Amino acid sequence: MVLKIIEATEAKVGTNIMVDGTPCTVKSMDISKTGKHGHAKCRIEAVGIITGNKKVFVVPGHDRFDVPLVEKRKAQVLSKSDGRVSLMDLESFETIDVPCPDQDLFNELEENGNCEYWDIEGQKIVRRKL
């Protein structure tokens, strides 16, 4: 559920935007003003929040981007296996199975410990240990 729409020139470093249906974080941005009757162009480097893929693209300054809703929640680790972690949300007490693509974080997590997971437009991912 997208709550906000911004223009390309309004995106700053650290802003979350949707690029081709993928939630991404802006890592760098350059705005170039063109000639007398031209439009501003924005060169944006973004990294996927879930996949970690880097995307570089150039768009007109008046193009619009959706800003995804990122909900940060706390959970308790119930079990972990094969890059997936079984969590119990500490507010709703529901049990969910969430991927953990970062191998260092996966090794750092321990059963009955707490972690933070993000719910990004219905996709969940473990982000850090608490």
N, C-alpha and C. Protein backbone atom coordinates (compact mmCIF):
# COMPACT_ATOMS: atom_id res chain seq x y z
N MET A 1 0.84 -1.17 0.00
CA MET A 1 0.00 0.00 0.00
C MET A 1 0.88 1.24 0.00
N VAL A 2 0.90 1.95 -1.10
CA VAL A 2 1.73 3.13 -1.24
C VAL A 2 0.96 4.32 -0.69
N LEU A 3 1.60 5.06 0.22
CA LEU A 3 0.93 6.18 0.85
C LEU A 3 1.35 7.53 0.27
N LYS A 4 2.49 7.57 -0.41
CA LYS A 4 3.04 8.84 -0.83
C LYS A 4 3.65 8.72 -2.21
N ILE A 5 3.57 9.78 -2.99
CA ILE A 5 4.19 9.85 -4.30
C ILE A 5 5.06 11.10 -4.32
N ILE A 6 6.32 10.96 -4.76
CA ILE A 6 7.22 12.12 -4.84
C ILE A 6 7.77 12.24 -6.25
N GLU A 7 8.22 13.46 -6.59
CA GLU A 7 8.87 13.66 -7.88
C GLU A 7 10.34 13.27 -7.76
N ALA A 8 10.96 13.01 -8.89
CA ALA A 8 12.35 12.54 -8.90
C ALA A 8 13.29 13.55 -8.25
N THR A 9 13.03 14.85 -8.42
CA THR A 9 13.91 15.86 -7.83
C THR A 9 13.77 15.95 -6.31
N GLU A 10 12.69 15.41 -5.74
CA GLU A 10 12.48 15.43 -4.30
C GLU A 10 13.16 14.26 -3.59
N ALA A 11 13.57 13.25 -4.32
CA ALA A 11 14.22 12.08 -3.71
C ALA A 11 15.60 12.47 -3.22
N LYS A 12 15.90 12.17 -1.99
CA LYS A 12 17.21 12.46 -1.40
C LYS A 12 17.90 11.15 -1.06
N VAL A 13 19.18 11.22 -0.70
CA VAL A 13 19.92 10.04 -0.29
C VAL A 13 19.27 9.46 0.96
N GLY A 14 18.99 8.15 0.93
CA GLY A 14 18.34 7.49 2.06
C GLY A 14 16.84 7.35 1.90
N THR A 15 16.25 7.98 0.89
CA THR A 15 14.81 7.87 0.65
C THR A 15 14.50 6.51 0.05
N ASN A 16 13.40 5.91 0.48
CA ASN A 16 12.93 4.65 -0.10
C ASN A 16 11.98 4.97 -1.25
N ILE A 17 12.20 4.32 -2.40
CA ILE A 17 11.33 4.50 -3.56
C ILE A 17 11.06 3.14 -4.19
N MET A 18 10.00 3.07 -5.01
CA MET A 18 9.70 1.85 -5.77
C MET A 18 10.26 2.02 -7.18
N VAL A 19 11.14 1.08 -7.58
CA VAL A 19 11.71 1.09 -8.93
C VAL A 19 11.33 -0.23 -9.59
N ASP A 20 10.55 -0.18 -10.64
CA ASP A 20 10.09 -1.37 -11.36
C ASP A 20 9.42 -2.36 -10.41
N GLY A 21 8.65 -1.87 -9.45
CA GLY A 21 7.93 -2.73 -8.51
C GLY A 21 8.79 -3.29 -7.39
N THR A 22 10.05 -2.83 -7.28
CA THR A 22 10.96 -3.29 -6.24
C THR A 22 11.25 -2.15 -5.28
N PRO A 23 11.12 -2.37 -3.97
CA PRO A 23 11.47 -1.30 -3.03
C PRO A 23 12.98 -1.12 -2.98
N CYS A 24 13.44 0.13 -3.13
CA CYS A 24 14.86 0.45 -3.16
C CYS A 24 15.15 1.66 -2.28
N THR A 25 16.42 1.79 -1.86
CA THR A 25 16.89 2.95 -1.12
C THR A 25 17.84 3.73 -2.01
N VAL A 26 17.65 5.05 -2.09
CA VAL A 26 18.50 5.91 -2.91
C VAL A 26 19.86 6.04 -2.24
N LYS A 27 20.94 5.70 -2.96
CA LYS A 27 22.31 5.80 -2.44
C LYS A 27 23.01 7.06 -2.92
N SER A 28 22.74 7.50 -4.15
CA SER A 28 23.29 8.77 -4.64
C SER A 28 22.37 9.32 -5.72
N MET A 29 22.44 10.64 -5.87
CA MET A 29 21.56 11.29 -6.84
C MET A 29 22.22 12.55 -7.37
N ASP A 30 22.18 12.73 -8.69
CA ASP A 30 22.71 13.92 -9.33
C ASP A 30 21.60 14.54 -10.16
N ILE A 31 21.41 15.84 -10.01
CA ILE A 31 20.41 16.56 -10.80
C ILE A 31 21.14 17.49 -11.74
N SER A 32 20.84 17.38 -13.05
CA SER A 32 21.46 18.26 -14.03
C SER A 32 20.38 19.08 -14.70
N LYS A 33 20.60 20.38 -14.73
CA LYS A 33 19.68 21.29 -15.41
C LYS A 33 20.14 21.39 -16.86
N THR A 34 19.20 21.24 -17.77
CA THR A 34 19.57 21.35 -19.18
C THR A 34 19.33 22.77 -19.66
N GLY A 35 19.36 22.96 -20.97
CA GLY A 35 19.31 24.29 -21.59
C GLY A 35 18.07 25.10 -21.31
N LYS A 36 17.87 26.11 -22.14
CA LYS A 36 16.83 27.11 -21.94
C LYS A 36 15.43 26.52 -21.88
N HIS A 37 15.12 25.57 -22.75
CA HIS A 37 13.77 24.99 -22.78
C HIS A 37 13.75 23.52 -22.38
N GLY A 38 14.85 23.02 -21.86
CA GLY A 38 14.93 21.61 -21.50
C GLY A 38 14.41 21.35 -20.10
N HIS A 39 14.39 20.10 -19.73
CA HIS A 39 13.95 19.68 -18.41
C HIS A 39 15.14 19.17 -17.61
N ALA A 40 15.02 19.24 -16.30
CA ALA A 40 16.07 18.70 -15.43
C ALA A 40 16.07 17.18 -15.54
N LYS A 41 17.25 16.60 -15.47
CA LYS A 41 17.40 15.14 -15.49
C LYS A 41 17.98 14.71 -14.15
N CYS A 42 17.54 13.57 -13.67
CA CYS A 42 18.04 13.02 -12.40
C CYS A 42 18.69 11.68 -12.67
N ARG A 43 19.94 11.55 -12.23
CA ARG A 43 20.64 10.27 -12.30
C ARG A 43 20.61 9.69 -10.89
N ILE A 44 19.97 8.54 -10.75
CA ILE A 44 19.74 7.96 -9.43
C ILE A 44 20.39 6.59 -9.34
N GLU A 45 21.14 6.37 -8.27
CA GLU A 45 21.68 5.05 -7.93
C GLU A 45 20.87 4.56 -6.75
N ALA A 46 20.25 3.39 -6.90
CA ALA A 46 19.43 2.82 -5.83
C ALA A 46 19.82 1.37 -5.59
N VAL A 47 19.66 0.93 -4.34
CA VAL A 47 19.96 -0.45 -3.96
C VAL A 47 18.68 -1.07 -3.42
N GLY A 48 18.34 -2.27 -3.92
CA GLY A 48 17.14 -2.96 -3.47
C GLY A 48 17.20 -3.27 -1.98
N ILE A 49 16.14 -2.98 -1.26
CA ILE A 49 16.11 -3.23 0.18
C ILE A 49 16.14 -4.72 0.46
N ILE A 50 15.41 -5.50 -0.30
CA ILE A 50 15.31 -6.93 -0.05
C ILE A 50 16.40 -7.71 -0.78
N THR A 51 16.61 -7.42 -2.06
CA THR A 51 17.55 -8.19 -2.86
C THR A 51 18.98 -7.69 -2.78
N GLY A 52 19.17 -6.40 -2.56
CA GLY A 52 20.52 -5.83 -2.53
C GLY A 52 21.07 -5.52 -3.90
N ASN A 53 20.25 -5.65 -4.95
CA ASN A 53 20.70 -5.36 -6.32
C ASN A 53 20.82 -3.85 -6.52
N LYS A 54 21.87 -3.45 -7.24
CA LYS A 54 22.11 -2.04 -7.52
C LYS A 54 21.47 -1.67 -8.85
N LYS A 55 20.77 -0.54 -8.88
CA LYS A 55 20.15 -0.05 -10.11
C LYS A 55 20.59 1.39 -10.33
N VAL A 56 21.01 1.70 -11.54
CA VAL A 56 21.38 3.05 -11.92
C VAL A 56 20.52 3.43 -13.11
N PHE A 57 19.85 4.59 -13.03
CA PHE A 57 18.97 5.01 -14.11
C PHE A 57 18.88 6.53 -14.14
N VAL A 58 18.46 7.05 -15.31
CA VAL A 58 18.29 8.49 -15.50
C VAL A 58 16.83 8.73 -15.87
N VAL A 59 16.20 9.66 -15.16
CA VAL A 59 14.79 9.98 -15.42
C VAL A 59 14.62 11.50 -15.47
N PRO A 60 13.58 11.99 -16.15
CA PRO A 60 13.29 13.42 -16.10
C PRO A 60 12.91 13.82 -14.67
N GLY A 61 13.20 15.06 -14.31
CA GLY A 61 12.96 15.54 -12.95
C GLY A 61 11.50 15.55 -12.54
N HIS A 62 10.59 15.58 -13.50
CA HIS A 62 9.17 15.62 -13.16
C HIS A 62 8.54 14.23 -13.06
N ASP A 63 9.33 13.16 -13.32
CA ASP A 63 8.80 11.80 -13.14
C ASP A 63 8.46 11.57 -11.68
N ARG A 64 7.50 10.71 -11.44
CA ARG A 64 7.05 10.46 -10.07
C ARG A 64 7.41 9.05 -9.62
N PHE A 65 7.73 8.91 -8.34
CA PHE A 65 8.04 7.63 -7.73
C PHE A 65 7.10 7.38 -6.56
N ASP A 66 6.73 6.12 -6.37
CA ASP A 66 5.97 5.73 -5.20
C ASP A 66 6.94 5.54 -4.05
N VAL A 67 6.52 5.91 -2.85
CA VAL A 67 7.31 5.69 -1.64
C VAL A 67 6.67 4.53 -0.90
N PRO A 68 7.39 3.40 -0.75
CA PRO A 68 6.79 2.24 -0.09
C PRO A 68 6.66 2.45 1.42
N LEU A 69 5.67 1.79 1.99
CA LEU A 69 5.48 1.82 3.43
C LEU A 69 6.39 0.77 4.05
N VAL A 70 7.35 1.20 4.88
CA VAL A 70 8.28 0.30 5.54
C VAL A 70 7.91 0.27 7.02
N GLU A 71 7.45 -0.88 7.48
CA GLU A 71 7.05 -1.03 8.87
C GLU A 71 8.11 -1.85 9.60
N LYS A 72 8.72 -1.25 10.61
CA LYS A 72 9.78 -1.92 11.36
C LYS A 72 9.17 -2.52 12.63
N ARG A 73 9.38 -3.83 12.82
CA ARG A 73 8.76 -4.52 13.95
C ARG A 73 9.79 -5.38 14.68
N LYS A 74 9.50 -5.69 15.92
CA LYS A 74 10.38 -6.52 16.74
C LYS A 74 9.77 -7.91 16.87
N ALA A 75 10.67 -8.91 16.94
CA ALA A 75 10.21 -10.29 17.03
C ALA A 75 11.22 -11.12 17.81
N GLN A 76 10.75 -12.27 18.27
CA GLN A 76 11.61 -13.23 18.95
C GLN A 76 11.90 -14.37 17.99
N VAL A 77 13.16 -14.81 17.95
CA VAL A 77 13.57 -15.90 17.07
C VAL A 77 13.16 -17.23 17.71
N LEU A 78 12.35 -18.00 16.98
CA LEU A 78 11.93 -19.31 17.48
C LEU A 78 12.88 -20.41 16.99
N SER A 79 13.20 -20.38 15.70
CA SER A 79 14.14 -21.34 15.13
C SER A 79 14.71 -20.78 13.83
N LYS A 80 15.78 -21.40 13.35
CA LYS A 80 16.37 -20.95 12.10
C LYS A 80 16.96 -22.15 11.35
N SER A 81 16.79 -22.14 10.01
CA SER A 81 17.35 -23.20 9.17
C SER A 81 17.33 -22.77 7.71
N ASP A 82 18.40 -23.09 6.99
CA ASP A 82 18.52 -22.87 5.55
C ASP A 82 18.23 -21.42 5.13
N GLY A 83 18.75 -20.44 5.85
CA GLY A 83 18.57 -19.05 5.47
C GLY A 83 17.21 -18.48 5.79
N ARG A 84 16.37 -19.23 6.48
CA ARG A 84 15.04 -18.75 6.87
C ARG A 84 14.94 -18.80 8.39
N VAL A 85 14.21 -17.84 8.94
CA VAL A 85 14.09 -17.72 10.39
C VAL A 85 12.60 -17.73 10.74
N SER A 86 12.24 -18.53 11.74
CA SER A 86 10.88 -18.55 12.25
C SER A 86 10.79 -17.56 13.40
N LEU A 87 9.89 -16.58 13.28
CA LEU A 87 9.79 -15.50 14.25
C LEU A 87 8.40 -15.44 14.88
N MET A 88 8.36 -14.91 16.11
CA MET A 88 7.09 -14.59 16.76
C MET A 88 7.08 -13.08 16.98
N ASP A 89 6.13 -12.40 16.37
CA ASP A 89 5.99 -10.97 16.52
C ASP A 89 5.71 -10.64 17.99
N LEU A 90 6.42 -9.64 18.54
CA LEU A 90 6.27 -9.32 19.96
C LEU A 90 5.04 -8.47 20.27
N GLU A 91 4.33 -7.98 19.26
CA GLU A 91 3.11 -7.22 19.49
C GLU A 91 1.87 -8.06 19.26
N SER A 92 1.81 -8.75 18.12
CA SER A 92 0.61 -9.52 17.77
C SER A 92 0.73 -11.00 18.13
N PHE A 93 1.94 -11.46 18.50
CA PHE A 93 2.23 -12.85 18.86
C PHE A 93 1.95 -13.84 17.73
N GLU A 94 1.93 -13.37 16.49
CA GLU A 94 1.77 -14.28 15.36
C GLU A 94 3.13 -14.88 15.00
N THR A 95 3.13 -16.09 14.46
CA THR A 95 4.35 -16.77 14.05
C THR A 95 4.49 -16.65 12.55
N ILE A 96 5.67 -16.20 12.09
CA ILE A 96 5.91 -16.02 10.66
C ILE A 96 7.27 -16.62 10.30
N ASP A 97 7.41 -17.00 9.03
CA ASP A 97 8.65 -17.54 8.50
C ASP A 97 9.23 -16.48 7.57
N VAL A 98 10.43 -15.97 7.89
CA VAL A 98 11.00 -14.82 7.19
C VAL A 98 12.38 -15.17 6.66
N PRO A 99 12.73 -14.76 5.41
CA PRO A 99 14.08 -15.00 4.90
C PRO A 99 15.09 -14.06 5.53
N CYS A 100 16.33 -14.54 5.63
CA CYS A 100 17.44 -13.73 6.15
C CYS A 100 18.60 -13.87 5.15
N PRO A 101 18.66 -12.99 4.11
CA PRO A 101 19.66 -13.14 3.06
C PRO A 101 21.10 -12.85 3.52
N ASP A 102 21.28 -12.06 4.57
CA ASP A 102 22.61 -11.72 5.07
C ASP A 102 23.14 -12.87 5.93
N GLN A 103 24.16 -13.58 5.43
CA GLN A 103 24.68 -14.77 6.11
C GLN A 103 25.31 -14.43 7.47
N ASP A 104 25.99 -13.28 7.57
CA ASP A 104 26.58 -12.88 8.85
C ASP A 104 25.50 -12.65 9.91
N LEU A 105 24.43 -11.99 9.52
CA LEU A 105 23.32 -11.75 10.44
C LEU A 105 22.66 -13.07 10.82
N PHE A 106 22.50 -13.97 9.85
CA PHE A 106 21.89 -15.27 10.12
C PHE A 106 22.70 -16.04 11.16
N ASN A 107 24.03 -16.02 11.06
CA ASN A 107 24.88 -16.71 12.02
C ASN A 107 24.85 -16.04 13.39
N GLU A 108 24.63 -14.72 13.40
CA GLU A 108 24.61 -13.96 14.65
C GLU A 108 23.32 -14.18 15.45
N LEU A 109 22.22 -14.45 14.74
CA LEU A 109 20.94 -14.66 15.41
C LEU A 109 20.98 -15.94 16.25
N GLU A 110 20.33 -15.90 17.41
CA GLU A 110 20.27 -17.07 18.27
C GLU A 110 18.83 -17.31 18.68
N GLU A 111 18.50 -18.57 18.91
CA GLU A 111 17.14 -18.92 19.30
C GLU A 111 16.82 -18.27 20.64
N ASN A 112 15.56 -17.84 20.78
CA ASN A 112 15.04 -17.10 21.93
C ASN A 112 15.63 -15.70 22.07
N GLY A 113 16.40 -15.24 21.08
CA GLY A 113 16.89 -13.87 21.05
C GLY A 113 15.91 -12.99 20.29
N ASN A 114 16.11 -11.69 20.35
CA ASN A 114 15.22 -10.75 19.67
C ASN A 114 15.89 -10.20 18.42
N CYS A 115 15.07 -9.82 17.45
CA CYS A 115 15.57 -9.21 16.22
C CYS A 115 14.54 -8.21 15.71
N GLU A 116 14.97 -7.44 14.71
CA GLU A 116 14.07 -6.49 14.07
C GLU A 116 13.83 -6.98 12.65
N TYR A 117 12.57 -7.02 12.24
CA TYR A 117 12.26 -7.36 10.86
C TYR A 117 11.44 -6.24 10.25
N TRP A 118 11.57 -6.10 8.94
CA TRP A 118 10.85 -5.05 8.21
C TRP A 118 9.77 -5.69 7.36
N ASP A 119 8.60 -5.07 7.36
CA ASP A 119 7.50 -5.46 6.48
C ASP A 119 7.39 -4.36 5.42
N ILE A 120 7.83 -4.70 4.20
CA ILE A 120 7.86 -3.73 3.10
C ILE A 120 6.86 -4.15 2.05
N GLU A 121 5.73 -3.47 2.02
CA GLU A 121 4.69 -3.77 1.03
C GLU A 121 4.32 -5.25 1.02
N GLY A 122 4.24 -5.87 2.20
CA GLY A 122 3.84 -7.26 2.31
C GLY A 122 5.00 -8.25 2.28
N GLN A 123 6.20 -7.80 1.92
CA GLN A 123 7.38 -8.67 1.93
C GLN A 123 8.12 -8.44 3.25
N LYS A 124 8.47 -9.53 3.92
CA LYS A 124 9.15 -9.42 5.21
C LYS A 124 10.60 -9.88 5.08
N ILE A 125 11.50 -9.21 5.84
CA ILE A 125 12.92 -9.54 5.82
C ILE A 125 13.53 -9.19 7.18
N VAL A 126 14.42 -10.06 7.66
CA VAL A 126 15.12 -9.80 8.93
C VAL A 126 16.23 -8.79 8.65
N ARG A 127 16.32 -7.71 9.45
CA ARG A 127 17.29 -6.67 9.20
C ARG A 127 18.43 -6.60 10.22
N ARG A 128 18.14 -6.82 11.53
CA ARG A 128 19.22 -6.73 12.51
C ARG A 128 18.85 -7.45 13.79
N LYS A 129 19.90 -7.76 14.56
CA LYS A 129 19.73 -8.41 15.86
C LYS A 129 19.57 -7.32 16.91
N LEU A 130 18.71 -7.56 17.89
CA LEU A 130 18.54 -6.58 18.98
C LEU A 130 19.23 -7.07 20.23
